[in-house]
């Protein structure tokens, strides 16, 4: 993967993480959330004794975007949304 693709993946994962975080907060708190003030720490969920990155966090969404692109290289990175990630999670039975 070259730097341009990595930058596109990182930007898309920031957008997905921001959207996810805003959906979890009230409207007044969600108005304060921007791409620049996302939490840098990664949240984990545990399943059968194994730690997984939260799928919609910054690290989790970039990891899943990479997996989606690996399975289907013709997928445009900019077209991947939170709904696409939730479909992938259901298909792989990760949650």
Protein backbone atom coordinates (compact mmCIF):
# COMPACT_ATOMS: atom_id res chain seq x y z
CA UNK A 1 0.00 0.00 0.00
CA UNK A 2 1.43 3.37 -0.95
CA UNK A 3 1.21 6.60 1.00
CA UNK A 4 -1.65 8.05 -1.01
CA UNK A 5 -3.88 5.05 -0.33
CA UNK A 6 -2.93 5.05 3.36
CA UNK A 7 -3.83 8.72 3.63
CA UNK A 8 -7.23 8.11 1.97
CA UNK A 9 -7.92 5.21 4.36
CA UNK A 10 -6.92 7.31 7.37
CA UNK A 11 -9.14 10.22 6.29
CA UNK A 12 -12.12 7.93 5.72
CA UNK A 13 -11.63 6.20 9.07
CA UNK A 14 -11.54 9.61 10.79
CA UNK A 15 -14.88 10.48 9.18
CA UNK A 16 -16.42 7.15 10.26
CA UNK A 17 -15.08 7.45 13.82
CA UNK A 18 -16.43 11.00 14.09
CA UNK A 19 -19.84 9.93 12.81
CA UNK A 20 -19.92 7.02 15.28
CA UNK A 21 -18.88 9.17 18.23
CA UNK A 22 -21.51 11.81 17.40
CA UNK A 23 -24.21 9.13 17.28
CA UNK A 24 -23.30 8.05 20.81
CA UNK A 25 -23.53 11.55 22.36
CA UNK A 26 -26.32 14.04 22.95
CA UNK A 27 -26.79 16.83 20.41
CA UNK A 28 -25.03 19.45 22.52
CA UNK A 29 -22.03 17.22 23.13
CA UNK A 30 -22.02 15.99 19.51
CA UNK A 31 -21.70 19.56 18.28
CA UNK A 32 -18.34 19.79 20.04
CA UNK A 33 -16.90 16.70 18.32
CA UNK A 34 -14.72 17.29 15.26
CA UNK A 35 -12.22 15.22 13.35
CA UNK A 36 -9.36 17.01 15.11
CA UNK A 37 -10.43 16.19 18.67
CA UNK A 38 -11.09 12.45 18.39
CA UNK A 39 -9.70 10.38 21.26
CA UNK A 40 -6.29 8.97 20.35
CA UNK A 41 -6.58 5.97 22.67
CA UNK A 42 -8.11 2.87 21.20
CA UNK A 43 -11.15 1.20 22.72
CA UNK A 44 -11.26 -2.59 22.90
CA UNK A 45 -14.05 -5.07 23.16
CA UNK A 46 -13.49 -8.61 24.37
CA UNK A 47 -15.00 -11.68 22.72
CA UNK A 48 -14.13 -15.19 23.89
CA UNK A 49 -11.06 -13.94 25.73
CA UNK A 50 -9.65 -12.08 22.71
CA UNK A 51 -9.35 -8.30 22.54
CA UNK A 52 -10.67 -6.69 19.36
CA UNK A 53 -10.56 -3.03 18.38
CA UNK A 54 -13.96 -1.39 18.50
CA UNK A 55 -15.08 -1.52 14.87
CA UNK A 56 -16.05 2.14 14.61
CA UNK A 57 -13.07 3.61 16.45
CA UNK A 58 -10.25 5.22 14.49
CA UNK A 59 -8.01 2.16 14.53
CA UNK A 60 -10.84 -0.35 14.12
CA UNK A 61 -12.41 1.38 11.14
CA UNK A 62 -9.09 1.74 9.32
CA UNK A 63 -8.37 -1.95 9.91
CA UNK A 64 -11.76 -2.99 8.55
CA UNK A 65 -11.43 -0.64 5.55
CA UNK A 66 -8.14 -2.38 4.70
CA UNK A 67 -9.82 -5.79 4.94
CA UNK A 68 -12.71 -4.67 2.71
CA UNK A 69 -10.28 -3.36 0.11
CA UNK A 70 -8.22 -6.55 0.26
CA UNK A 71 -11.32 -8.65 -0.44
CA UNK A 72 -12.59 -6.36 -3.20
CA UNK A 73 -9.88 -4.12 -4.70
CA UNK A 74 -12.42 -2.31 -6.92
CA UNK A 75 -14.17 -0.78 -3.90
CA UNK A 76 -13.67 2.96 -3.64
CA UNK A 77 -12.40 4.02 -0.23
CA UNK A 78 -14.59 7.12 -0.19
CA UNK A 79 -17.73 4.98 -0.64
CA UNK A 80 -17.12 2.97 2.54
CA UNK A 81 -19.39 4.15 5.34
CA UNK A 82 -20.36 3.03 8.82
CA UNK A 83 -23.15 0.97 7.23
CA UNK A 84 -20.59 -0.85 5.07
CA UNK A 85 -18.54 -1.62 8.16
CA UNK A 86 -21.59 -2.95 10.03
CA UNK A 87 -22.41 -5.20 7.04
CA UNK A 88 -18.85 -6.51 7.12
CA UNK A 89 -19.08 -7.17 10.85
CA UNK A 90 -22.34 -9.10 10.41
CA UNK A 91 -20.90 -11.09 7.50
CA UNK A 92 -17.82 -12.12 9.48
CA UNK A 93 -19.81 -12.62 12.72
CA UNK A 94 -17.37 -10.53 14.71
CA UNK A 95 -19.85 -8.97 17.13
